[in-house]
């Protein structure tokens, strides 16, 4: 009688499609504000392809994502582009933000992210390589007063816009 072999997660030795499909299972696409499934798949395919020759970093990414950051992992780096952004599905975005939205915070903005102390290639360090490991960043929330102030400003701008539109209609 054969004993069942222990189930293992994907590794850099697996086919790209197998890795992509496994990493897709861990995305935030199902959450409100999450990226579309098509966008997520393309972004993950692009990243896996870029990491194919960096098997140690690809394994670090797989570990980080499949354990939701509970196991330590190394930086997962890609080449910084001239404008610092990555294009996926005809949309440009900052690479660390794209992958943080896919796997951690579907609604995060660039100014809310800060690399952790141990991350050697955080986006803001401006090295030629950028770490896109979402578990190497933390979310920085703006002070409550700031959020309330900006919400107030949005309402004021909206009211002014509505009033100016109505003024034009009455002329």
N, C-alpha and C. Protein backbone atom coordinates (compact mmCIF):
# COMPACT_ATOMS: atom_id res chain seq x y z
N UNK A 1 0.84 -1.18 0.00
CA UNK A 1 0.00 0.00 0.00
C UNK A 1 0.89 1.24 0.00
N UNK A 2 0.59 2.16 -0.89
CA UNK A 2 1.39 3.38 -0.98
C UNK A 2 0.84 4.41 -0.02
N UNK A 3 1.78 5.11 0.62
CA UNK A 3 1.33 6.19 1.49
C UNK A 3 1.18 7.45 0.67
N UNK A 4 0.22 8.24 1.05
CA UNK A 4 -0.02 9.49 0.32
C UNK A 4 1.16 10.43 0.55
N UNK A 5 1.63 11.01 -0.53
CA UNK A 5 2.74 11.95 -0.38
C UNK A 5 2.21 13.26 0.18
N UNK A 6 3.00 13.92 1.01
CA UNK A 6 2.51 15.18 1.60
C UNK A 6 2.28 16.21 0.50
N UNK A 7 1.21 16.94 0.64
CA UNK A 7 0.89 17.96 -0.35
C UNK A 7 1.85 19.14 -0.19
N UNK A 8 2.45 19.50 -1.29
CA UNK A 8 3.38 20.63 -1.25
C UNK A 8 2.83 21.76 -2.11
N UNK A 9 3.25 22.95 -1.78
CA UNK A 9 2.85 24.09 -2.58
C UNK A 9 3.72 24.18 -3.82
N UNK A 10 3.45 25.15 -4.66
CA UNK A 10 4.25 25.28 -5.87
C UNK A 10 5.67 25.74 -5.53
N UNK A 11 6.56 25.54 -6.47
CA UNK A 11 7.93 26.04 -6.31
C UNK A 11 8.39 26.58 -7.65
N UNK A 12 9.56 27.20 -7.66
CA UNK A 12 10.09 27.78 -8.89
C UNK A 12 10.36 26.71 -9.94
N UNK A 13 10.42 25.43 -9.54
CA UNK A 13 10.66 24.35 -10.49
C UNK A 13 9.40 24.01 -11.29
N UNK A 14 8.24 24.46 -10.83
CA UNK A 14 6.98 24.15 -11.52
C UNK A 14 6.82 25.02 -12.77
N UNK A 15 5.89 24.61 -13.61
CA UNK A 15 5.58 25.38 -14.82
C UNK A 15 4.98 26.73 -14.44
N UNK A 16 5.24 27.73 -15.28
CA UNK A 16 4.72 29.07 -15.01
C UNK A 16 3.22 29.08 -14.76
N UNK A 17 2.46 28.37 -15.60
CA UNK A 17 1.01 28.37 -15.48
C UNK A 17 0.57 27.82 -14.12
N UNK A 18 1.22 26.80 -13.65
CA UNK A 18 0.90 26.22 -12.35
C UNK A 18 1.13 27.23 -11.23
N UNK A 19 2.23 27.95 -11.31
CA UNK A 19 2.56 28.98 -10.31
C UNK A 19 1.54 30.10 -10.36
N UNK A 20 1.25 30.58 -11.59
CA UNK A 20 0.30 31.68 -11.76
C UNK A 20 -1.07 31.30 -11.20
N UNK A 21 -1.55 30.12 -11.54
CA UNK A 21 -2.88 29.69 -11.06
C UNK A 21 -2.92 29.58 -9.54
N UNK A 22 -1.83 29.08 -8.95
CA UNK A 22 -1.79 29.00 -7.50
C UNK A 22 -1.79 30.38 -6.87
N UNK A 23 -0.98 31.29 -7.39
CA UNK A 23 -0.92 32.65 -6.83
C UNK A 23 -2.22 33.41 -7.05
N UNK A 24 -2.94 33.07 -8.12
CA UNK A 24 -4.25 33.69 -8.38
C UNK A 24 -5.24 33.37 -7.26
N UNK A 25 -5.10 32.20 -6.66
CA UNK A 25 -6.01 31.79 -5.58
C UNK A 25 -5.88 32.67 -4.35
N UNK A 26 -4.80 33.42 -4.27
CA UNK A 26 -4.53 34.23 -3.07
C UNK A 26 -4.76 35.73 -3.30
N UNK A 27 -5.32 36.10 -4.45
CA UNK A 27 -5.50 37.52 -4.75
C UNK A 27 -6.70 38.11 -4.02
N UNK A 28 -6.78 39.43 -4.08
CA UNK A 28 -7.89 40.16 -3.47
C UNK A 28 -8.99 40.45 -4.49
N UNK A 29 -8.94 39.80 -5.67
CA UNK A 29 -9.90 40.10 -6.74
C UNK A 29 -11.36 39.99 -6.28
N UNK A 30 -11.61 39.09 -5.35
CA UNK A 30 -12.98 38.88 -4.87
C UNK A 30 -13.44 39.95 -3.90
N UNK A 31 -12.52 40.77 -3.41
CA UNK A 31 -12.89 41.81 -2.45
C UNK A 31 -13.34 43.08 -3.18
N UNK A 32 -14.18 43.85 -2.54
CA UNK A 32 -14.64 45.10 -3.11
C UNK A 32 -13.44 46.01 -3.35
N UNK A 33 -13.35 46.57 -4.53
CA UNK A 33 -12.25 47.46 -4.86
C UNK A 33 -11.05 46.71 -5.39
N UNK A 34 -11.11 45.38 -5.42
CA UNK A 34 -10.00 44.57 -5.91
C UNK A 34 -9.87 44.67 -7.42
N UNK A 35 -8.71 44.29 -7.90
CA UNK A 35 -8.46 44.32 -9.34
C UNK A 35 -9.31 43.25 -10.03
N UNK A 36 -9.49 43.40 -11.36
CA UNK A 36 -10.23 42.40 -12.10
C UNK A 36 -9.38 41.14 -12.22
N UNK A 37 -10.03 40.03 -12.45
CA UNK A 37 -9.32 38.76 -12.57
C UNK A 37 -8.36 38.78 -13.77
N UNK A 38 -8.78 39.38 -14.87
CA UNK A 38 -7.92 39.46 -16.07
C UNK A 38 -6.65 40.26 -15.76
N UNK A 39 -6.81 41.39 -15.10
CA UNK A 39 -5.67 42.22 -14.74
C UNK A 39 -4.74 41.47 -13.80
N UNK A 40 -5.32 40.81 -12.80
CA UNK A 40 -4.53 40.06 -11.82
C UNK A 40 -3.73 38.97 -12.52
N UNK A 41 -4.37 38.23 -13.39
CA UNK A 41 -3.68 37.14 -14.09
C UNK A 41 -2.53 37.67 -14.92
N UNK A 42 -2.75 38.74 -15.65
CA UNK A 42 -1.69 39.32 -16.48
C UNK A 42 -0.53 39.84 -15.63
N UNK A 43 -0.85 40.50 -14.53
CA UNK A 43 0.19 41.04 -13.65
C UNK A 43 1.02 39.92 -13.04
N UNK A 44 0.36 38.86 -12.63
CA UNK A 44 1.07 37.71 -12.04
C UNK A 44 1.90 37.00 -13.09
N UNK A 45 1.34 36.81 -14.28
CA UNK A 45 2.10 36.17 -15.38
C UNK A 45 3.36 36.96 -15.67
N UNK A 46 3.22 38.27 -15.74
CA UNK A 46 4.36 39.14 -16.02
C UNK A 46 5.44 39.00 -14.94
N UNK A 47 5.01 38.99 -13.68
CA UNK A 47 5.96 38.88 -12.58
C UNK A 47 6.65 37.52 -12.57
N UNK A 48 5.90 36.45 -12.75
CA UNK A 48 6.49 35.11 -12.75
C UNK A 48 7.50 34.99 -13.89
N UNK A 49 7.16 35.53 -15.04
CA UNK A 49 8.08 35.50 -16.19
C UNK A 49 9.38 36.25 -15.87
N UNK A 50 9.26 37.41 -15.24
CA UNK A 50 10.44 38.20 -14.87
C UNK A 50 11.31 37.49 -13.83
N UNK A 51 10.67 36.69 -12.99
CA UNK A 51 11.39 36.01 -11.92
C UNK A 51 11.86 34.61 -12.30
N UNK A 52 11.56 34.17 -13.49
CA UNK A 52 11.87 32.80 -13.91
C UNK A 52 13.36 32.47 -13.72
N UNK A 53 14.25 33.40 -14.02
CA UNK A 53 15.68 33.14 -13.89
C UNK A 53 16.20 33.45 -12.48
N UNK A 54 15.32 33.91 -11.60
CA UNK A 54 15.68 34.21 -10.21
C UNK A 54 14.89 33.26 -9.32
N UNK A 55 15.22 31.98 -9.38
CA UNK A 55 14.41 30.96 -8.71
C UNK A 55 14.29 31.20 -7.20
N UNK A 56 15.34 31.70 -6.56
CA UNK A 56 15.27 31.96 -5.12
C UNK A 56 14.23 33.05 -4.80
N UNK A 57 14.19 34.09 -5.64
CA UNK A 57 13.22 35.16 -5.42
C UNK A 57 11.81 34.69 -5.73
N UNK A 58 11.66 33.87 -6.77
CA UNK A 58 10.35 33.33 -7.10
C UNK A 58 9.84 32.45 -5.95
N UNK A 59 10.72 31.63 -5.38
CA UNK A 59 10.33 30.83 -4.22
C UNK A 59 9.97 31.71 -3.03
N UNK A 60 10.68 32.83 -2.86
CA UNK A 60 10.35 33.77 -1.77
C UNK A 60 8.97 34.37 -1.98
N UNK A 61 8.65 34.71 -3.22
CA UNK A 61 7.32 35.26 -3.52
C UNK A 61 6.25 34.23 -3.20
N UNK A 62 6.46 33.01 -3.66
CA UNK A 62 5.48 31.95 -3.43
C UNK A 62 5.28 31.73 -1.93
N UNK A 63 6.37 31.70 -1.18
CA UNK A 63 6.28 31.53 0.27
C UNK A 63 5.52 32.69 0.90
N UNK A 64 5.88 33.92 0.54
CA UNK A 64 5.23 35.10 1.12
C UNK A 64 3.72 35.07 0.86
N UNK A 65 3.34 34.79 -0.38
CA UNK A 65 1.92 34.85 -0.74
C UNK A 65 1.14 33.69 -0.15
N UNK A 66 1.67 32.48 -0.26
CA UNK A 66 0.91 31.32 0.21
C UNK A 66 0.82 31.23 1.73
N UNK A 67 1.75 31.89 2.43
CA UNK A 67 1.68 31.89 3.90
C UNK A 67 1.15 33.21 4.45
N UNK A 68 0.74 34.10 3.55
CA UNK A 68 0.24 35.44 3.93
C UNK A 68 1.23 36.17 4.83
N UNK A 69 2.52 35.98 4.52
CA UNK A 69 3.56 36.69 5.24
C UNK A 69 3.93 36.10 6.58
N UNK A 70 3.35 34.96 6.95
CA UNK A 70 3.65 34.39 8.26
C UNK A 70 5.05 33.77 8.32
N UNK A 71 5.62 33.41 7.17
CA UNK A 71 7.00 32.94 7.12
C UNK A 71 7.84 34.04 6.51
N UNK A 72 9.04 34.25 7.04
CA UNK A 72 9.88 35.33 6.51
C UNK A 72 10.28 34.99 5.07
N UNK A 73 10.43 36.03 4.28
CA UNK A 73 10.80 35.86 2.88
C UNK A 73 11.73 37.00 2.47
N UNK A 74 12.48 36.73 1.43
CA UNK A 74 13.45 37.71 0.94
C UNK A 74 12.78 38.71 0.01
N UNK A 75 13.54 39.73 -0.35
CA UNK A 75 13.06 40.70 -1.34
C UNK A 75 12.80 39.98 -2.66
N UNK A 76 11.77 40.41 -3.34
CA UNK A 76 11.42 39.91 -4.67
C UNK A 76 11.53 41.12 -5.58
N UNK A 77 12.57 41.12 -6.43
CA UNK A 77 12.88 42.35 -7.16
C UNK A 77 12.63 42.24 -8.65
N UNK A 78 12.25 43.39 -9.20
CA UNK A 78 12.17 43.55 -10.65
C UNK A 78 12.93 44.83 -11.00
N UNK A 79 13.29 44.94 -12.25
CA UNK A 79 14.02 46.12 -12.73
C UNK A 79 13.13 47.36 -12.66
N UNK A 80 13.66 48.45 -12.15
CA UNK A 80 12.91 49.72 -12.13
C UNK A 80 12.88 50.27 -13.54
N UNK A 81 11.73 50.72 -14.00
CA UNK A 81 11.61 51.34 -15.32
C UNK A 81 12.01 52.80 -15.24
N UNK A 82 12.14 53.44 -16.39
CA UNK A 82 12.56 54.85 -16.42
C UNK A 82 11.61 55.75 -15.62
N UNK A 83 10.30 55.53 -15.78
CA UNK A 83 9.35 56.37 -15.04
C UNK A 83 8.91 55.73 -13.72
N UNK A 84 9.48 54.56 -13.40
CA UNK A 84 9.19 53.91 -12.12
C UNK A 84 7.88 53.14 -12.10
N UNK A 85 7.18 53.10 -13.25
CA UNK A 85 5.88 52.43 -13.27
C UNK A 85 5.93 51.16 -14.13
N UNK A 86 4.94 50.33 -13.95
CA UNK A 86 4.82 49.06 -14.65
C UNK A 86 3.53 49.12 -15.46
N UNK A 87 3.54 48.61 -16.68
CA UNK A 87 2.33 48.60 -17.48
C UNK A 87 1.78 47.18 -17.55
N UNK A 88 0.51 47.05 -17.19
CA UNK A 88 -0.21 45.78 -17.26
C UNK A 88 -1.58 46.08 -17.85
N UNK A 89 -1.96 45.34 -18.90
CA UNK A 89 -3.27 45.53 -19.54
C UNK A 89 -3.53 47.00 -19.88
N UNK A 90 -2.58 47.64 -20.47
CA UNK A 90 -2.69 49.04 -20.91
C UNK A 90 -2.90 50.02 -19.76
N UNK A 91 -2.61 49.59 -18.52
CA UNK A 91 -2.69 50.47 -17.35
C UNK A 91 -1.32 50.55 -16.73
N UNK A 92 -0.92 51.76 -16.34
CA UNK A 92 0.37 51.94 -15.68
C UNK A 92 0.16 52.15 -14.20
N UNK A 93 1.07 51.58 -13.42
CA UNK A 93 1.00 51.76 -11.97
C UNK A 93 2.35 51.47 -11.36
N UNK A 94 2.50 51.83 -10.12
CA UNK A 94 3.75 51.57 -9.42
C UNK A 94 3.78 50.09 -9.05
N UNK A 95 4.88 49.40 -9.37
CA UNK A 95 4.90 47.94 -9.21
C UNK A 95 4.60 47.45 -7.80
N UNK A 96 5.16 48.09 -6.79
CA UNK A 96 4.91 47.62 -5.42
C UNK A 96 3.45 47.82 -5.02
N UNK A 97 2.82 48.84 -5.59
CA UNK A 97 1.40 49.10 -5.31
C UNK A 97 0.52 48.07 -6.02
N UNK A 98 0.84 47.78 -7.27
CA UNK A 98 0.07 46.80 -8.04
C UNK A 98 0.00 45.47 -7.29
N UNK A 99 1.17 44.98 -6.85
CA UNK A 99 1.20 43.67 -6.21
C UNK A 99 0.66 43.70 -4.77
N UNK A 100 0.80 44.84 -4.10
CA UNK A 100 0.19 44.97 -2.77
C UNK A 100 -1.34 44.95 -2.90
N UNK A 101 -1.86 45.57 -3.96
CA UNK A 101 -3.32 45.54 -4.18
C UNK A 101 -3.79 44.14 -4.51
N UNK A 102 -3.01 43.42 -5.27
CA UNK A 102 -3.41 42.06 -5.64
C UNK A 102 -3.47 41.12 -4.46
N UNK A 103 -2.50 41.23 -3.54
CA UNK A 103 -2.38 40.21 -2.51
C UNK A 103 -2.65 40.69 -1.09
N UNK A 104 -2.78 41.98 -0.85
CA UNK A 104 -3.00 42.42 0.54
C UNK A 104 -4.12 43.43 0.69
N UNK A 105 -3.95 44.59 0.11
CA UNK A 105 -4.88 45.69 0.33
C UNK A 105 -5.44 46.16 -1.01
N UNK A 106 -6.65 45.78 -1.38
CA UNK A 106 -7.17 46.12 -2.71
C UNK A 106 -7.36 47.62 -2.96
N UNK A 107 -7.40 48.41 -1.89
CA UNK A 107 -7.68 49.84 -2.05
C UNK A 107 -6.49 50.74 -1.69
N UNK A 108 -5.30 50.18 -1.60
CA UNK A 108 -4.16 50.98 -1.13
C UNK A 108 -3.67 51.96 -2.20
N UNK A 109 -3.15 53.07 -1.74
CA UNK A 109 -2.55 54.09 -2.60
C UNK A 109 -1.05 54.16 -2.31
N UNK A 110 -0.29 54.66 -3.26
CA UNK A 110 1.17 54.72 -3.13
C UNK A 110 1.60 55.45 -1.85
N UNK A 111 0.94 56.56 -1.54
CA UNK A 111 1.38 57.36 -0.38
C UNK A 111 1.06 56.68 0.95
N UNK A 112 0.31 55.58 0.91
CA UNK A 112 -0.01 54.84 2.13
C UNK A 112 0.96 53.70 2.39
N UNK A 113 1.97 53.55 1.52
CA UNK A 113 2.89 52.42 1.65
C UNK A 113 4.28 52.87 2.06
N UNK A 114 4.87 52.07 2.94
CA UNK A 114 6.23 52.32 3.39
C UNK A 114 6.92 50.97 3.49
N UNK A 115 8.14 50.88 2.95
CA UNK A 115 8.85 49.60 3.04
C UNK A 115 9.29 49.37 4.49
N UNK A 116 9.31 48.11 4.87
CA UNK A 116 9.73 47.74 6.21
C UNK A 116 11.25 47.87 6.32
N UNK A 117 11.74 48.00 7.52
CA UNK A 117 13.16 48.25 7.77
C UNK A 117 14.08 47.21 7.14
N UNK A 118 13.68 45.96 7.14
CA UNK A 118 14.54 44.89 6.62
C UNK A 118 14.52 44.79 5.09
N UNK A 119 13.61 45.49 4.43
CA UNK A 119 13.52 45.44 2.97
C UNK A 119 14.65 46.25 2.35
N UNK A 120 15.50 45.58 1.59
CA UNK A 120 16.69 46.22 1.02
C UNK A 120 16.43 46.97 -0.28
N UNK A 121 15.29 46.70 -0.93
CA UNK A 121 15.02 47.30 -2.24
C UNK A 121 13.66 47.99 -2.28
N UNK A 122 13.25 48.58 -1.18
CA UNK A 122 11.97 49.28 -1.14
C UNK A 122 11.89 50.32 -2.24
N UNK A 123 10.70 50.54 -2.75
CA UNK A 123 10.50 51.46 -3.88
C UNK A 123 11.11 52.83 -3.63
N UNK A 124 10.91 53.37 -2.45
CA UNK A 124 11.38 54.72 -2.14
C UNK A 124 12.90 54.84 -2.01
N UNK A 125 13.61 53.72 -1.97
CA UNK A 125 15.07 53.77 -1.89
C UNK A 125 15.70 54.13 -3.24
N UNK A 126 14.90 54.02 -4.31
CA UNK A 126 15.29 54.44 -5.66
C UNK A 126 16.48 53.66 -6.23
N UNK A 127 16.58 52.38 -5.90
CA UNK A 127 17.60 51.52 -6.50
C UNK A 127 17.14 51.09 -7.89
N UNK A 128 18.05 50.48 -8.64
CA UNK A 128 17.71 50.00 -9.98
C UNK A 128 16.70 48.85 -9.93
N UNK A 129 16.69 48.14 -8.83
CA UNK A 129 15.72 47.07 -8.62
C UNK A 129 14.73 47.49 -7.55
N UNK A 130 13.49 47.03 -7.69
CA UNK A 130 12.42 47.39 -6.77
C UNK A 130 11.84 46.12 -6.16
N UNK A 131 11.67 46.11 -4.86
CA UNK A 131 11.05 44.97 -4.19
C UNK A 131 9.53 45.06 -4.36
N UNK A 132 8.94 43.96 -4.83
CA UNK A 132 7.48 43.92 -5.01
C UNK A 132 6.84 42.89 -4.08
N UNK A 133 7.59 42.43 -3.09
CA UNK A 133 7.04 41.51 -2.10
C UNK A 133 6.06 42.31 -1.23
N UNK A 134 4.77 42.03 -1.32
CA UNK A 134 3.79 42.83 -0.57
C UNK A 134 3.94 42.74 0.94
N UNK A 135 4.65 41.72 1.42
CA UNK A 135 4.85 41.58 2.85
C UNK A 135 6.14 42.26 3.32
N UNK A 136 6.74 43.05 2.44
CA UNK A 136 7.88 43.88 2.81
C UNK A 136 7.46 45.34 2.95
N UNK A 137 6.16 45.58 2.93
CA UNK A 137 5.62 46.93 3.06
C UNK A 137 4.58 46.95 4.16
N UNK A 138 4.41 48.12 4.73
CA UNK A 138 3.34 48.31 5.70
C UNK A 138 2.43 49.42 5.19
N UNK A 139 1.22 49.37 5.68
CA UNK A 139 0.24 50.39 5.30
C UNK A 139 0.28 51.50 6.32
N UNK A 140 0.45 52.70 5.84
CA UNK A 140 0.47 53.89 6.69
C UNK A 140 -0.85 54.62 6.48
N UNK A 141 -1.61 54.71 7.52
CA UNK A 141 -2.88 55.44 7.44
C UNK A 141 -2.64 56.89 7.79
N UNK A 142 -3.28 57.77 7.05
CA UNK A 142 -3.14 59.18 7.39
C UNK A 142 -3.91 59.46 8.67
N UNK A 143 -3.49 60.47 9.42
CA UNK A 143 -4.20 60.80 10.67
C UNK A 143 -5.67 61.05 10.40
N UNK A 144 -6.51 60.70 11.34
CA UNK A 144 -7.97 60.81 11.18
C UNK A 144 -8.39 62.22 10.80
N UNK A 145 -7.75 63.20 11.38
CA UNK A 145 -8.09 64.58 11.06
C UNK A 145 -7.86 64.91 9.60
N UNK A 146 -6.79 64.37 9.04
CA UNK A 146 -6.49 64.60 7.63
C UNK A 146 -7.56 63.99 6.74
N UNK A 147 -7.96 62.74 7.04
CA UNK A 147 -9.00 62.08 6.25
C UNK A 147 -10.31 62.86 6.32
N UNK A 148 -10.66 63.32 7.50
CA UNK A 148 -11.90 64.08 7.67
C UNK A 148 -11.82 65.39 6.89
N UNK A 149 -10.66 66.03 6.93
CA UNK A 149 -10.49 67.29 6.21
C UNK A 149 -10.65 67.09 4.71
N UNK A 150 -10.02 66.04 4.17
CA UNK A 150 -10.12 65.78 2.73
C UNK A 150 -11.53 65.38 2.33
N UNK A 151 -12.23 64.65 3.19
CA UNK A 151 -13.62 64.31 2.92
C UNK A 151 -14.46 65.58 2.87
N UNK A 152 -14.21 66.48 3.80
CA UNK A 152 -14.90 67.76 3.83
C UNK A 152 -14.64 68.54 2.53
N UNK A 153 -13.38 68.57 2.11
CA UNK A 153 -13.03 69.29 0.88
C UNK A 153 -13.74 68.70 -0.34
N UNK A 154 -13.84 67.36 -0.40
CA UNK A 154 -14.54 66.72 -1.52
C UNK A 154 -16.00 67.16 -1.57
N UNK A 155 -16.63 67.23 -0.39
CA UNK A 155 -18.03 67.64 -0.33
C UNK A 155 -18.16 69.10 -0.77
N UNK A 156 -17.28 69.97 -0.30
CA UNK A 156 -17.33 71.38 -0.67
C UNK A 156 -17.15 71.53 -2.18
N UNK A 157 -16.19 70.81 -2.76
CA UNK A 157 -15.97 70.88 -4.20
C UNK A 157 -17.18 70.39 -4.98
N UNK A 158 -17.80 69.29 -4.49
CA UNK A 158 -18.97 68.75 -5.16
C UNK A 158 -20.13 69.75 -5.11
N UNK A 159 -20.35 70.37 -3.95
CA UNK A 159 -21.43 71.35 -3.80
C UNK A 159 -21.17 72.54 -4.74
N UNK A 160 -19.93 73.03 -4.78
CA UNK A 160 -19.60 74.15 -5.67
C UNK A 160 -19.84 73.78 -7.12
N UNK A 161 -19.48 72.56 -7.49
CA UNK A 161 -19.66 72.10 -8.87
C UNK A 161 -21.15 72.06 -9.22
N UNK A 162 -21.97 71.49 -8.34
CA UNK A 162 -23.41 71.39 -8.57
C UNK A 162 -24.01 72.79 -8.69
N UNK A 163 -23.61 73.70 -7.81
CA UNK A 163 -24.16 75.05 -7.83
C UNK A 163 -23.77 75.79 -9.10
N UNK A 164 -22.53 75.60 -9.56
CA UNK A 164 -22.11 76.30 -10.78
C UNK A 164 -22.82 75.72 -11.99
N UNK A 165 -23.10 74.42 -11.99
CA UNK A 165 -23.85 73.80 -13.09
C UNK A 165 -25.28 74.33 -13.13
N UNK A 166 -25.90 74.44 -11.95
CA UNK A 166 -27.27 74.96 -11.89
C UNK A 166 -27.31 76.43 -12.31
N UNK A 167 -26.26 77.16 -11.95
CA UNK A 167 -26.23 78.59 -12.33
C UNK A 167 -26.16 78.70 -13.85
N UNK A 168 -25.40 77.83 -14.50
CA UNK A 168 -25.29 77.86 -15.95
C UNK A 168 -26.62 77.47 -16.60
N UNK A 169 -27.35 76.53 -15.99
CA UNK A 169 -28.63 76.08 -16.53
C UNK A 169 -29.68 77.19 -16.48
N UNK A 170 -29.63 78.06 -15.50
CA UNK A 170 -30.64 79.12 -15.36
C UNK A 170 -30.37 80.31 -16.25
N UNK A 171 -29.18 80.36 -16.83
CA UNK A 171 -28.86 81.52 -17.71
C UNK A 171 -29.49 81.37 -19.05
